[in-house]
């Protein structure tokens, strides 16, 4: 998924570079407006996890391999805006080490940060709407969105290649290979995302951005406690029992 230098021509790379700058800039603005101070430290940890996860490849088929994209995972944990910023930072650092070209950085940010995180969270939100409002539904929705965003990002790459590809390859063959392999990679993406979200949701559900509605509903739940012994067949207490009674007076007016 990391596009190298020279694979897409300069005008197309520059155009998607502008898309990436605009998208990340908007993400910074939205993240600031949401007052996500509590999630900012977690965003750094998520970015580090994605950076490490992208260095580990797993075999797919026919000698190919894939790795974690992490966009949907980051978005579910810290929100689409911080998630997109974190993935963009990861891609920028990787480009310095020749994992994806510097001239193709805008292309990669568009595919993996904007489509992966922002688009992934949109798919996650749609899946949540049709699933019950429970914790397991958050995990299931994250898996569905993570799977879908991998071939979706691959499809955007095919569009970029169709516009400005510099390699003499048939577009149909590129599309078939990219979409086919990345559907398989999406299975691994879904498994890793679901496992991670499930772990965090089970230990610190308050840190999962995508489960905020469940946390608010739990906080607003009003519990009514029955008095001790209610419904156990005990006789209700007589009104006034246990209260000090005024001293009885004799007929001569002295207290008894």
C-alpha atoms as a PDB file:
ATOM      1  CA  UNK A   1       0.000   0.000   0.000  1.00  0.00           C
ATOM      2  CA  UNK A   2       2.974   2.334   0.502  1.00  0.00           C
ATOM      3  CA  UNK A   3       3.469   4.003  -2.888  1.00  0.00           C
ATOM      4  CA  UNK A   4       7.150   4.540  -3.798  1.00  0.00           C
ATOM      5  CA  UNK A   5       8.655   7.561  -5.544  1.00  0.00           C
ATOM      6  CA  UNK A   6       8.114   7.687  -9.282  1.00  0.00           C
ATOM      7  CA  UNK A   7       5.210   5.232  -9.431  1.00  0.00           C
ATOM      8  CA  UNK A   8       2.695   8.081  -9.877  1.00  0.00           C
ATOM      9  CA  UNK A   9       3.615  11.175 -11.927  1.00  0.00           C
ATOM     10  CA  UNK A  10       4.448  14.531 -10.353  1.00  0.00           C
ATOM     11  CA  UNK A  11       1.198  16.421 -11.189  1.00  0.00           C
ATOM     12  CA  UNK A  12      -0.981  13.677  -9.679  1.00  0.00           C
ATOM     13  CA  UNK A  13       1.277  13.395  -6.627  1.00  0.00           C
ATOM     14  CA  UNK A  14       1.116  17.161  -6.150  1.00  0.00           C
ATOM     15  CA  UNK A  15      -2.670  17.225  -6.488  1.00  0.00           C
ATOM     16  CA  UNK A  16      -3.137  14.522  -3.858  1.00  0.00           C
ATOM     17  CA  UNK A  17      -0.522  16.273  -1.747  1.00  0.00           C
ATOM     18  CA  UNK A  18      -2.876  19.253  -1.608  1.00  0.00           C
ATOM     19  CA  UNK A  19      -5.738  16.909  -0.703  1.00  0.00           C
ATOM     20  CA  UNK A  20      -3.630  15.486   2.123  1.00  0.00           C
ATOM     21  CA  UNK A  21      -2.648  18.915   3.463  1.00  0.00           C
ATOM     22  CA  UNK A  22      -6.251  20.089   3.393  1.00  0.00           C
ATOM     23  CA  UNK A  23      -7.506  16.901   5.011  1.00  0.00           C
ATOM     24  CA  UNK A  24      -4.943  16.849   7.810  1.00  0.00           C
ATOM     25  CA  UNK A  25      -5.434  20.573   8.400  1.00  0.00           C
ATOM     26  CA  UNK A  26      -9.162  20.055   8.772  1.00  0.00           C
ATOM     27  CA  UNK A  27      -8.510  17.127  11.118  1.00  0.00           C
ATOM     28  CA  UNK A  28      -6.318  19.344  13.314  1.00  0.00           C
ATOM     29  CA  UNK A  29      -9.076  21.969  13.448  1.00  0.00           C
ATOM     30  CA  UNK A  30     -11.766  19.435  14.344  1.00  0.00           C
ATOM     31  CA  UNK A  31      -9.593  17.703  16.943  1.00  0.00           C
ATOM     32  CA  UNK A  32      -8.976  21.057  18.644  1.00  0.00           C
ATOM     33  CA  UNK A  33     -12.679  21.918  18.588  1.00  0.00           C
ATOM     34  CA  UNK A  34     -13.582  18.580  20.206  1.00  0.00           C
ATOM     35  CA  UNK A  35     -11.283  19.284  23.180  1.00  0.00           C
ATOM     36  CA  UNK A  36      -9.660  15.866  23.005  1.00  0.00           C
ATOM     37  CA  UNK A  37      -7.005  16.549  25.659  1.00  0.00           C
ATOM     38  CA  UNK A  38      -7.799  13.272  27.431  1.00  0.00           C
ATOM     39  CA  UNK A  39      -7.276  11.283  24.230  1.00  0.00           C
ATOM     40  CA  UNK A  40      -4.087  13.024  23.070  1.00  0.00           C
ATOM     41  CA  UNK A  41      -1.696  10.814  25.116  1.00  0.00           C
ATOM     42  CA  UNK A  42      -3.547   7.727  23.896  1.00  0.00           C
ATOM     43  CA  UNK A  43      -3.234   8.993  20.311  1.00  0.00           C
ATOM     44  CA  UNK A  44       0.541   8.931  20.681  1.00  0.00           C
ATOM     45  CA  UNK A  45       0.427   5.356  21.961  1.00  0.00           C
ATOM     46  CA  UNK A  46      -1.872   4.307  19.123  1.00  0.00           C
ATOM     47  CA  UNK A  47       0.457   5.898  16.555  1.00  0.00           C
ATOM     48  CA  UNK A  48       3.413   4.037  18.054  1.00  0.00           C
ATOM     49  CA  UNK A  49       1.443   0.774  17.972  1.00  0.00           C
ATOM     50  CA  UNK A  50       0.501   1.293  14.316  1.00  0.00           C
ATOM     51  CA  UNK A  51       4.094   2.202  13.445  1.00  0.00           C
ATOM     52  CA  UNK A  52       5.316  -1.041  14.997  1.00  0.00           C
ATOM     53  CA  UNK A  53       2.441  -3.055  13.525  1.00  0.00           C
ATOM     54  CA  UNK A  54       3.177  -1.874   9.991  1.00  0.00           C
ATOM     55  CA  UNK A  55       6.702  -3.247  10.267  1.00  0.00           C
ATOM     56  CA  UNK A  56       5.368  -6.795  10.783  1.00  0.00           C
ATOM     57  CA  UNK A  57       4.196  -8.479   7.583  1.00  0.00           C
ATOM     58  CA  UNK A  58       1.941 -11.528   7.448  1.00  0.00           C
ATOM     59  CA  UNK A  59       1.727 -13.856   4.410  1.00  0.00           C
ATOM     60  CA  UNK A  60      -1.334 -13.511   2.176  1.00  0.00           C
ATOM     61  CA  UNK A  61      -1.153 -15.584  -1.012  1.00  0.00           C
ATOM     62  CA  UNK A  62       1.118 -16.355  -3.977  1.00  0.00           C
ATOM     63  CA  UNK A  63       4.195 -15.033  -2.192  1.00  0.00           C
ATOM     64  CA  UNK A  64       2.614 -11.701  -1.260  1.00  0.00           C
ATOM     65  CA  UNK A  65       2.345 -10.281   2.240  1.00  0.00           C
ATOM     66  CA  UNK A  66       0.414  -7.586   4.021  1.00  0.00           C
ATOM     67  CA  UNK A  67       0.627  -5.486   7.142  1.00  0.00           C
ATOM     68  CA  UNK A  68      -1.613  -3.461   9.414  1.00  0.00           C
ATOM     69  CA  UNK A  69      -2.884  -0.173   7.979  1.00  0.00           C
ATOM     70  CA  UNK A  70      -4.324   0.901  11.323  1.00  0.00           C
ATOM     71  CA  UNK A  71      -6.596   3.730  10.187  1.00  0.00           C
ATOM     72  CA  UNK A  72      -9.848   2.287  11.494  1.00  0.00           C
ATOM     73  CA  UNK A  73      -8.180   1.059  14.676  1.00  0.00           C
ATOM     74  CA  UNK A  74      -6.854   4.541  15.432  1.00  0.00           C
ATOM     75  CA  UNK A  75     -10.196   6.168  14.606  1.00  0.00           C
ATOM     76  CA  UNK A  76     -12.228   3.866  16.868  1.00  0.00           C
ATOM     77  CA  UNK A  77      -9.839   4.367  19.789  1.00  0.00           C
ATOM     78  CA  UNK A  78      -9.144   8.122  19.577  1.00  0.00           C
ATOM     79  CA  UNK A  79     -11.615   9.442  17.004  1.00  0.00           C
ATOM     80  CA  UNK A  80     -11.354  10.042  13.246  1.00  0.00           C
ATOM     81  CA  UNK A  81      -9.535  13.376  13.531  1.00  0.00           C
ATOM     82  CA  UNK A  82      -6.795  12.405  15.980  1.00  0.00           C
ATOM     83  CA  UNK A  83      -6.637   9.039  14.233  1.00  0.00           C
ATOM     84  CA  UNK A  84      -5.996  10.657  10.843  1.00  0.00           C
ATOM     85  CA  UNK A  85      -3.336  12.948  12.360  1.00  0.00           C
ATOM     86  CA  UNK A  86      -1.603  10.006  14.034  1.00  0.00           C
ATOM     87  CA  UNK A  87      -1.524   7.904  10.844  1.00  0.00           C
ATOM     88  CA  UNK A  88      -0.239  10.912   8.864  1.00  0.00           C
ATOM     89  CA  UNK A  89       2.619  11.337  11.364  1.00  0.00           C
ATOM     90  CA  UNK A  90       3.451   7.621  11.091  1.00  0.00           C
ATOM     91  CA  UNK A  91       3.556   7.842   7.287  1.00  0.00           C
ATOM     92  CA  UNK A  92       5.754  10.948   7.431  1.00  0.00           C
ATOM     93  CA  UNK A  93       8.292   9.209   9.668  1.00  0.00           C
ATOM     94  CA  UNK A  94       8.229   6.093   7.482  1.00  0.00           C
ATOM     95  CA  UNK A  95       8.854   8.174   4.362  1.00  0.00           C
ATOM     96  CA  UNK A  96      12.116   9.392   5.909  1.00  0.00           C
ATOM     97  CA  UNK A  97      13.258   5.757   6.008  1.00  0.00           C
ATOM     98  CA  UNK A  98      12.212   5.035   2.403  1.00  0.00           C
ATOM     99  CA  UNK A  99       9.059   3.156   3.414  1.00  0.00           C
ATOM    100  CA  UNK A 100       6.934   5.024   0.895  1.00  0.00           C
ATOM    101  CA  UNK A 101       8.383   7.860  -1.167  1.00  0.00           C
ATOM    102  CA  UNK A 102       8.598  11.471  -0.018  1.00  0.00           C
ATOM    103  CA  UNK A 103       7.092  12.641  -3.306  1.00  0.00           C
ATOM    104  CA  UNK A 104       4.263  10.114  -2.784  1.00  0.00           C
ATOM    105  CA  UNK A 105       3.592  11.139   0.824  1.00  0.00           C
ATOM    106  CA  UNK A 106       0.402  12.985  -0.113  1.00  0.00           C
ATOM    107  CA  UNK A 107      -0.848   9.922  -1.959  1.00  0.00           C
ATOM    108  CA  UNK A 108      -0.141   7.638   0.997  1.00  0.00           C
ATOM    109  CA  UNK A 109      -1.707  10.033   3.525  1.00  0.00           C
ATOM    110  CA  UNK A 110      -4.824  10.280   1.369  1.00  0.00           C
ATOM    111  CA  UNK A 111      -5.131   6.507   1.097  1.00  0.00           C
ATOM    112  CA  UNK A 112      -4.243   5.400   4.619  1.00  0.00           C
ATOM    113  CA  UNK A 113      -4.913   8.405   6.877  1.00  0.00           C
ATOM    114  CA  UNK A 114      -7.925  10.070   5.270  1.00  0.00           C
ATOM    115  CA  UNK A 115      -9.609   7.065   3.647  1.00  0.00           C
ATOM    116  CA  UNK A 116      -8.375   4.679   6.333  1.00  0.00           C
ATOM    117  CA  UNK A 117      -9.171   6.718   9.465  1.00  0.00           C
ATOM    118  CA  UNK A 118     -11.892   9.208   8.475  1.00  0.00           C
ATOM    119  CA  UNK A 119     -13.555   6.899   5.955  1.00  0.00           C
ATOM    120  CA  UNK A 120     -13.101   3.945   8.289  1.00  0.00           C
ATOM    121  CA  UNK A 121     -14.833   5.750  11.136  1.00  0.00           C
ATOM    122  CA  UNK A 122     -17.718   6.633   8.826  1.00  0.00           C
ATOM    123  CA  UNK A 123     -18.179   2.953   7.994  1.00  0.00           C
ATOM    124  CA  UNK A 124     -17.837   2.098  11.694  1.00  0.00           C
ATOM    125  CA  UNK A 125     -20.589   4.588  12.572  1.00  0.00           C
ATOM    126  CA  UNK A 126     -22.886   3.145   9.898  1.00  0.00           C
ATOM    127  CA  UNK A 127     -22.328  -0.380  11.206  1.00  0.00           C
ATOM    128  CA  UNK A 128     -23.069   0.776  14.760  1.00  0.00           C
ATOM    129  CA  UNK A 129     -26.462   2.094  13.641  1.00  0.00           C
ATOM    130  CA  UNK A 130     -27.676  -1.328  12.530  1.00  0.00           C
ATOM    131  CA  UNK A 131     -26.213  -3.241  15.471  1.00  0.00           C
ATOM    132  CA  UNK A 132     -27.497  -3.332  19.063  1.00  0.00           C
ATOM    133  CA  UNK A 133     -26.077  -0.710  21.410  1.00  0.00           C
ATOM    134  CA  UNK A 134     -23.773  -3.050  23.312  1.00  0.00           C
ATOM    135  CA  UNK A 135     -20.053  -3.446  23.808  1.00  0.00           C
ATOM    136  CA  UNK A 136     -19.706  -6.460  21.467  1.00  0.00           C
ATOM    137  CA  UNK A 137     -21.310  -4.398  18.705  1.00  0.00           C
ATOM    138  CA  UNK A 138     -18.446  -1.889  18.940  1.00  0.00           C
ATOM    139  CA  UNK A 139     -15.976  -4.716  18.350  1.00  0.00           C
ATOM    140  CA  UNK A 140     -18.001  -6.154  15.464  1.00  0.00           C
ATOM    141  CA  UNK A 141     -18.448  -2.747  13.814  1.00  0.00           C
ATOM    142  CA  UNK A 142     -14.721  -2.025  14.093  1.00  0.00           C
ATOM    143  CA  UNK A 143     -13.926  -5.347  12.401  1.00  0.00           C
ATOM    144  CA  UNK A 144     -16.372  -4.685   9.543  1.00  0.00           C
ATOM    145  CA  UNK A 145     -15.039  -1.173   8.969  1.00  0.00           C
ATOM    146  CA  UNK A 146     -11.405  -2.289   9.190  1.00  0.00           C
ATOM    147  CA  UNK A 147     -11.991  -4.991   6.587  1.00  0.00           C
ATOM    148  CA  UNK A 148     -13.820  -2.640   4.204  1.00  0.00           C
ATOM    149  CA  UNK A 149     -11.306   0.198   4.347  1.00  0.00           C
ATOM    150  CA  UNK A 150      -8.414  -1.935   3.059  1.00  0.00           C
ATOM    151  CA  UNK A 151      -9.872  -2.665  -0.421  1.00  0.00           C
ATOM    152  CA  UNK A 152     -11.403   0.838  -0.367  1.00  0.00           C
ATOM    153  CA  UNK A 153      -7.937   2.379   0.037  1.00  0.00           C
ATOM    154  CA  UNK A 154      -6.651   0.008  -2.645  1.00  0.00           C
ATOM    155  CA  UNK A 155      -9.422   1.238  -4.938  1.00  0.00           C
ATOM    156  CA  UNK A 156      -8.340   4.852  -4.402  1.00  0.00           C
ATOM    157  CA  UNK A 157      -4.796   3.809  -5.357  1.00  0.00           C
ATOM    158  CA  UNK A 158      -6.156   2.273  -8.565  1.00  0.00           C
ATOM    159  CA  UNK A 159      -7.813   5.630  -9.307  1.00  0.00           C
ATOM    160  CA  UNK A 160      -4.519   7.423  -8.694  1.00  0.00           C
ATOM    161  CA  UNK A 161      -2.721   4.968 -10.959  1.00  0.00           C
ATOM    162  CA  UNK A 162      -5.349   5.446 -13.670  1.00  0.00           C
ATOM    163  CA  UNK A 163      -4.810   9.221 -13.533  1.00  0.00           C
ATOM    164  CA  UNK A 164      -1.042   9.384 -13.367  1.00  0.00           C
ATOM    165  CA  UNK A 165       0.579   5.953 -13.333  1.00  0.00           C
ATOM    166  CA  UNK A 166       4.069   5.897 -14.830  1.00  0.00           C
ATOM    167  CA  UNK A 167       4.490   2.119 -15.067  1.00  0.00           C
ATOM    168  CA  UNK A 168       3.369   0.363 -18.249  1.00  0.00           C
ATOM    169  CA  UNK A 169       0.858  -2.037 -16.730  1.00  0.00           C
ATOM    170  CA  UNK A 170      -2.737  -2.739 -17.810  1.00  0.00           C
ATOM    171  CA  UNK A 171      -5.193  -0.935 -15.546  1.00  0.00           C
ATOM    172  CA  UNK A 172      -7.452  -3.993 -15.323  1.00  0.00           C
ATOM    173  CA  UNK A 173      -4.590  -6.169 -14.149  1.00  0.00           C
ATOM    174  CA  UNK A 174      -3.518  -3.601 -11.537  1.00  0.00           C
ATOM    175  CA  UNK A 175      -7.087  -3.257 -10.272  1.00  0.00           C
ATOM    176  CA  UNK A 176      -7.644  -7.006 -10.047  1.00  0.00           C
ATOM    177  CA  UNK A 177      -4.353  -7.650  -8.272  1.00  0.00           C
ATOM    178  CA  UNK A 178      -4.727  -4.758  -5.820  1.00  0.00           C
ATOM    179  CA  UNK A 179      -8.348  -5.408  -4.888  1.00  0.00           C
ATOM    180  CA  UNK A 180      -7.954  -9.180  -4.713  1.00  0.00           C
ATOM    181  CA  UNK A 181      -4.864  -9.174  -2.500  1.00  0.00           C
ATOM    182  CA  UNK A 182      -6.136  -6.364  -0.297  1.00  0.00           C
ATOM    183  CA  UNK A 183      -9.409  -8.157   0.357  1.00  0.00           C
ATOM    184  CA  UNK A 184      -7.287 -10.905   1.876  1.00  0.00           C
ATOM    185  CA  UNK A 185      -5.188  -8.356   3.780  1.00  0.00           C
ATOM    186  CA  UNK A 186      -8.454  -6.898   5.067  1.00  0.00           C
ATOM    187  CA  UNK A 187      -9.154 -10.128   6.935  1.00  0.00           C
ATOM    188  CA  UNK A 188      -5.954  -9.706   8.934  1.00  0.00           C
ATOM    189  CA  UNK A 189      -6.713  -6.011   9.440  1.00  0.00           C
ATOM    190  CA  UNK A 190     -10.160  -6.860  10.800  1.00  0.00           C
ATOM    191  CA  UNK A 191      -8.784  -9.502  13.177  1.00  0.00           C
ATOM    192  CA  UNK A 192      -6.079  -7.217  14.607  1.00  0.00           C
ATOM    193  CA  UNK A 193      -8.477  -4.282  14.944  1.00  0.00           C
ATOM    194  CA  UNK A 194     -11.197  -6.327  16.640  1.00  0.00           C
ATOM    195  CA  UNK A 195      -8.751  -7.931  19.074  1.00  0.00           C
ATOM    196  CA  UNK A 196      -7.214  -4.587  20.064  1.00  0.00           C
ATOM    197  CA  UNK A 197     -10.545  -2.783  20.454  1.00  0.00           C
ATOM    198  CA  UNK A 198     -11.916  -5.686  22.496  1.00  0.00           C
ATOM    199  CA  UNK A 199      -8.899  -5.580  24.827  1.00  0.00           C
ATOM    200  CA  UNK A 200      -9.135  -1.834  25.442  1.00  0.00           C
ATOM    201  CA  UNK A 201     -12.916  -1.957  25.745  1.00  0.00           C
ATOM    202  CA  UNK A 202     -12.677  -4.691  28.361  1.00  0.00           C
ATOM    203  CA  UNK A 203     -10.140  -2.823  30.509  1.00  0.00           C
ATOM    204  CA  UNK A 204     -10.719   0.912  29.932  1.00  0.00           C
ATOM    205  CA  UNK A 205     -13.982   1.459  28.043  1.00  0.00           C
ATOM    206  CA  UNK A 206     -13.823   5.173  28.851  1.00  0.00           C
ATOM    207  CA  UNK A 207     -10.805   5.455  26.514  1.00  0.00           C
ATOM    208  CA  UNK A 208     -12.615   4.079  23.445  1.00  0.00           C
ATOM    209  CA  UNK A 209     -13.868   7.021  21.386  1.00  0.00           C
ATOM    210  CA  UNK A 210     -16.221   4.834  19.390  1.00  0.00           C
ATOM    211  CA  UNK A 211     -17.993   3.643  22.559  1.00  0.00           C
ATOM    212  CA  UNK A 212     -18.636   7.069  24.115  1.00  0.00           C
ATOM    213  CA  UNK A 213     -22.396   6.694  23.753  1.00  0.00           C
ATOM    214  CA  UNK A 214     -22.336   3.506  25.827  1.00  0.00           C
ATOM    215  CA  UNK A 215     -20.303   5.217  28.544  1.00  0.00           C
ATOM    216  CA  UNK A 216     -22.674   8.198  28.684  1.00  0.00           C
ATOM    217  CA  UNK A 217     -25.697   5.898  28.859  1.00  0.00           C
ATOM    218  CA  UNK A 218     -24.107   4.040  31.759  1.00  0.00           C
ATOM    219  CA  UNK A 219     -23.296   7.276  33.577  1.00  0.00           C
ATOM    220  CA  UNK A 220     -26.875   8.514  33.204  1.00  0.00           C
ATOM    221  CA  UNK A 221     -28.516   5.308  34.412  1.00  0.00           C
ATOM    222  CA  UNK A 222     -30.616   5.979  37.532  1.00  0.00           C
ATOM    223  CA  UNK A 223     -30.718   3.048  39.893  1.00  0.00           C
ATOM    224  CA  UNK A 224     -33.597   2.709  42.392  1.00  0.00           C
ATOM    225  CA  UNK A 225     -32.740   0.796  45.545  1.00  0.00           C
ATOM    226  CA  UNK A 226     -35.498  -0.876  47.566  1.00  0.00           C
ATOM    227  CA  UNK A 227     -35.390  -0.477  51.360  1.00  0.00           C
ATOM    228  CA  UNK A 228     -33.835  -3.340  53.264  1.00  0.00           C
ATOM    229  CA  UNK A 229     -36.401  -6.068  53.836  1.00  0.00           C
ATOM    230  CA  UNK A 230     -38.850  -4.719  51.264  1.00  0.00           C
ATOM    231  CA  UNK A 231     -40.897  -7.482  49.706  1.00  0.00           C
ATOM    232  CA  UNK A 232     -39.792 -10.010  52.350  1.00  0.00           C
ATOM    233  CA  UNK A 233     -43.130 -10.009  54.202  1.00  0.00           C
ATOM    234  CA  UNK A 234     -41.988  -7.761  57.046  1.00  0.00           C
ATOM    235  CA  UNK A 235     -44.477  -5.520  58.786  1.00  0.00           C
ATOM    236  CA  UNK A 236     -43.950  -1.851  57.872  1.00  0.00           C
ATOM    237  CA  UNK A 237     -42.637   0.320  60.651  1.00  0.00           C
ATOM    238  CA  UNK A 238     -45.293   2.288  62.551  1.00  0.00           C
ATOM    239  CA  UNK A 239     -45.140   5.989  61.952  1.00  0.00           C
ATOM    240  CA  UNK A 240     -43.429   7.729  64.792  1.00  0.00           C
ATOM    241  CA  UNK A 241     -41.787   4.547  66.143  1.00  0.00           C
ATOM    242  CA  UNK A 242     -38.439   5.185  67.703  1.00  0.00           C
ATOM    243  CA  UNK A 243     -39.132   8.835  68.287  1.00  0.00           C
ATOM    244  CA  UNK A 244     -38.930  10.196  71.878  1.00  0.00           C
ATOM    245  CA  UNK A 245     -42.421  10.521  73.360  1.00  0.00           C
ATOM    246  CA  UNK A 246     -43.443  13.305  75.789  1.00  0.00           C
ATOM    247  CA  UNK A 247     -43.497  12.245  79.465  1.00  0.00           C
ATOM    248  CA  UNK A 248     -46.934  11.220  80.769  1.00  0.00           C
ATOM    249  CA  UNK A 249     -48.358  13.519  83.401  1.00  0.00           C
ATOM    250  CA  UNK A 250     -50.395  12.557  86.460  1.00  0.00           C
ATOM    251  CA  UNK A 251     -53.637  14.181  87.345  1.00  0.00           C
ATOM    252  CA  UNK A 252     -51.834  16.489  89.807  1.00  0.00           C
ATOM    253  CA  UNK A 253     -49.708  17.792  86.905  1.00  0.00           C
ATOM    254  CA  UNK A 254     -46.410  16.198  87.971  1.00  0.00           C
ATOM    255  CA  UNK A 255     -44.443  14.181  85.470  1.00  0.00           C
ATOM    256  CA  UNK A 256     -44.579  10.389  85.815  1.00  0.00           C
END
